C-alpha atoms as a PDB file:
ATOM      1  CA  UNK A   1      11.922  14.844  21.760  1.00  0.00           C
ATOM      2  CA  UNK A   2      11.476  13.273  25.308  1.00  0.00           C
ATOM      3  CA  UNK A   3       9.485  16.383  26.323  1.00  0.00           C
ATOM      4  CA  UNK A   4       7.105  15.761  22.911  1.00  0.00           C
ATOM      5  CA  UNK A   5       6.572  12.313  24.084  1.00  0.00           C
ATOM      6  CA  UNK A   6       5.904  13.310  27.616  1.00  0.00           C
ATOM      7  CA  UNK A   7       3.576  16.132  26.496  1.00  0.00           C
ATOM      8  CA  UNK A   8       1.595  14.140  24.009  1.00  0.00           C
ATOM      9  CA  UNK A   9       0.188  11.589  26.767  1.00  0.00           C
ATOM     10  CA  UNK A  10      -1.545  14.575  28.474  1.00  0.00           C
ATOM     11  CA  UNK A  11      -4.532  16.597  27.617  1.00  0.00           C
ATOM     12  CA  UNK A  12      -3.370  19.811  26.425  1.00  0.00           C
ATOM     13  CA  UNK A  13      -5.138  23.135  26.369  1.00  0.00           C
ATOM     14  CA  UNK A  14      -6.271  24.421  22.881  1.00  0.00           C
ATOM     15  CA  UNK A  15      -3.337  27.296  23.090  1.00  0.00           C
ATOM     16  CA  UNK A  16      -0.784  24.569  23.518  1.00  0.00           C
ATOM     17  CA  UNK A  17      -1.706  22.664  20.573  1.00  0.00           C
ATOM     18  CA  UNK A  18       0.212  25.032  18.009  1.00  0.00           C
ATOM     19  CA  UNK A  19       3.249  24.951  20.367  1.00  0.00           C
ATOM     20  CA  UNK A  20       3.141  21.434  20.076  1.00  0.00           C
ATOM     21  CA  UNK A  21       2.825  21.125  16.302  1.00  0.00           C
ATOM     22  CA  UNK A  22       5.410  23.552  15.617  1.00  0.00           C
ATOM     23  CA  UNK A  23       7.822  21.391  17.830  1.00  0.00           C
ATOM     24  CA  UNK A  24       6.983  18.203  15.894  1.00  0.00           C
ATOM     25  CA  UNK A  25       7.294  19.821  12.779  1.00  0.00           C
ATOM     26  CA  UNK A  26      10.828  20.938  13.741  1.00  0.00           C
ATOM     27  CA  UNK A  27      11.721  17.425  14.910  1.00  0.00           C
ATOM     28  CA  UNK A  28      10.060  16.131  11.783  1.00  0.00           C
ATOM     29  CA  UNK A  29      12.486  17.942   9.548  1.00  0.00           C
ATOM     30  CA  UNK A  30      15.423  15.982  11.240  1.00  0.00           C
ATOM     31  CA  UNK A  31      17.421  13.780   8.747  1.00  0.00           C
ATOM     32  CA  UNK A  32      17.457  11.155  11.528  1.00  0.00           C
ATOM     33  CA  UNK A  33      14.678   8.746  10.473  1.00  0.00           C
ATOM     34  CA  UNK A  34      14.526   7.737  14.396  1.00  0.00           C
ATOM     35  CA  UNK A  35      13.482  11.279  15.015  1.00  0.00           C
ATOM     36  CA  UNK A  36      10.749  11.127  12.339  1.00  0.00           C
ATOM     37  CA  UNK A  37       9.186   7.575  13.463  1.00  0.00           C
ATOM     38  CA  UNK A  38       9.027   8.780  17.038  1.00  0.00           C
ATOM     39  CA  UNK A  39       7.118  12.138  15.729  1.00  0.00           C
ATOM     40  CA  UNK A  40       4.502   9.777  14.239  1.00  0.00           C
ATOM     41  CA  UNK A  41       4.159   7.865  17.356  1.00  0.00           C
ATOM     42  CA  UNK A  42       4.008  10.959  19.425  1.00  0.00           C
ATOM     43  CA  UNK A  43       1.535  12.425  17.322  1.00  0.00           C
ATOM     44  CA  UNK A  44      -0.721   9.512  17.430  1.00  0.00           C
ATOM     45  CA  UNK A  45      -0.749   9.538  20.984  1.00  0.00           C
ATOM     46  CA  UNK A  46      -1.499  13.139  21.301  1.00  0.00           C
ATOM     47  CA  UNK A  47      -4.389  12.907  18.746  1.00  0.00           C
ATOM     48  CA  UNK A  48      -5.794  10.005  20.875  1.00  0.00           C
ATOM     49  CA  UNK A  49      -5.387  11.911  24.052  1.00  0.00           C
ATOM     50  CA  UNK A  50      -7.214  15.019  23.000  1.00  0.00           C
ATOM     51  CA  UNK A  51      -9.545  13.790  20.224  1.00  0.00           C
ATOM     52  CA  UNK A  52     -12.627  15.485  21.666  1.00  0.00           C
ATOM     53  CA  UNK A  53     -10.658  18.818  21.811  1.00  0.00           C
ATOM     54  CA  UNK A  54      -9.226  18.345  18.424  1.00  0.00           C
ATOM     55  CA  UNK A  55     -12.780  18.187  16.997  1.00  0.00           C
ATOM     56  CA  UNK A  56     -13.030  22.001  17.690  1.00  0.00           C
ATOM     57  CA  UNK A  57      -9.576  22.510  15.934  1.00  0.00           C
ATOM     58  CA  UNK A  58      -9.774  21.725  12.423  1.00  0.00           C
ATOM     59  CA  UNK A  59      -6.588  24.054  11.727  1.00  0.00           C
ATOM     60  CA  UNK A  60      -4.762  21.535  13.937  1.00  0.00           C
ATOM     61  CA  UNK A  61      -6.122  18.461  12.475  1.00  0.00           C
ATOM     62  CA  UNK A  62      -5.259  19.747   8.868  1.00  0.00           C
ATOM     63  CA  UNK A  63      -1.805  20.416   9.854  1.00  0.00           C
ATOM     64  CA  UNK A  64      -1.261  17.176  11.779  1.00  0.00           C
ATOM     65  CA  UNK A  65      -2.559  15.398   8.481  1.00  0.00           C
ATOM     66  CA  UNK A  66      -0.208  17.215   6.355  1.00  0.00           C
ATOM     67  CA  UNK A  67       2.661  16.451   8.750  1.00  0.00           C
ATOM     68  CA  UNK A  68       1.719  12.724   8.980  1.00  0.00           C
ATOM     69  CA  UNK A  69       1.397  12.324   5.338  1.00  0.00           C
ATOM     70  CA  UNK A  70       4.782  13.943   4.682  1.00  0.00           C
ATOM     71  CA  UNK A  71       6.354  11.815   7.039  1.00  0.00           C
ATOM     72  CA  UNK A  72       4.760   8.646   5.656  1.00  0.00           C
ATOM     73  CA  UNK A  73       5.965   9.572   1.904  1.00  0.00           C
ATOM     74  CA  UNK A  74       9.232  11.124   2.942  1.00  0.00           C
ATOM     75  CA  UNK A  75      10.936   7.385   3.432  1.00  0.00           C
ATOM     76  CA  UNK A  76      10.472   6.354  -0.225  1.00  0.00           C
ATOM     77  CA  UNK A  77      12.576   9.455  -1.606  1.00  0.00           C
ATOM     78  CA  UNK A  78      15.318   8.172   0.511  1.00  0.00           C
ATOM     79  CA  UNK A  79      15.021   4.660  -0.607  1.00  0.00           C
ATOM     80  CA  UNK A  80      14.736   5.722  -4.113  1.00  0.00           C
ATOM     81  CA  UNK A  81      17.926   7.218  -4.316  1.00  0.00           C
ATOM     82  CA  UNK A  82      19.660   4.013  -3.685  1.00  0.00           C
ATOM     83  CA  UNK A  83      18.357   2.146  -6.877  1.00  0.00           C
ATOM     84  CA  UNK A  84      19.357   2.627 -10.408  1.00  0.00           C
ATOM     85  CA  UNK A  85      17.218   3.488 -13.176  1.00  0.00           C
ATOM     86  CA  UNK A  86      16.792  -0.043 -14.481  1.00  0.00           C
ATOM     87  CA  UNK A  87      16.169  -1.421 -10.913  1.00  0.00           C
ATOM     88  CA  UNK A  88      13.265   1.679 -10.390  1.00  0.00           C
ATOM     89  CA  UNK A  89      11.873   0.653 -13.715  1.00  0.00           C
ATOM     90  CA  UNK A  90      11.644  -3.253 -12.522  1.00  0.00           C
ATOM     91  CA  UNK A  91       9.935  -2.002  -9.344  1.00  0.00           C
ATOM     92  CA  UNK A  92       7.398   0.172 -11.181  1.00  0.00           C
ATOM     93  CA  UNK A  93       6.659  -2.757 -13.699  1.00  0.00           C
ATOM     94  CA  UNK A  94       5.683  -4.873 -10.298  1.00  0.00           C
ATOM     95  CA  UNK A  95       4.004  -2.559  -8.524  1.00  0.00           C
ATOM     96  CA  UNK A  96       2.119  -0.293 -10.713  1.00  0.00           C
ATOM     97  CA  UNK A  97      -0.814  -2.132 -12.567  1.00  0.00           C
ATOM     98  CA  UNK A  98      -0.379  -1.994 -16.518  1.00  0.00           C
ATOM     99  CA  UNK A  99      -2.998   0.643 -18.123  1.00  0.00           C
ATOM    100  CA  UNK A 100      -4.909  -1.283 -20.524  1.00  0.00           C
ATOM    101  CA  UNK A 101      -6.802   1.767 -21.711  1.00  0.00           C
ATOM    102  CA  UNK A 102      -3.735   3.443 -23.338  1.00  0.00           C
END
């Protein structure tokens, strides 16, 4: 994890991007939420540090986008398991606007 953080602050060569992304995906699969948050921070620094090179690597951008969206949506699944069905229904009623066209 420390290596990914250090590597994210450097300008990388195009051949190193898939290796970095594979390591980030492996760390993102960790059950430890601290690791997943650290990957988000590391990825944001990597994207900023290598912005101009990434414009020529749409495959990396798409894979990184998928990784970030997966990491952002993944915490709700963990929290959702801690609620009862009644509590989830109440939360849904509060957070989702009613459908007036039904």
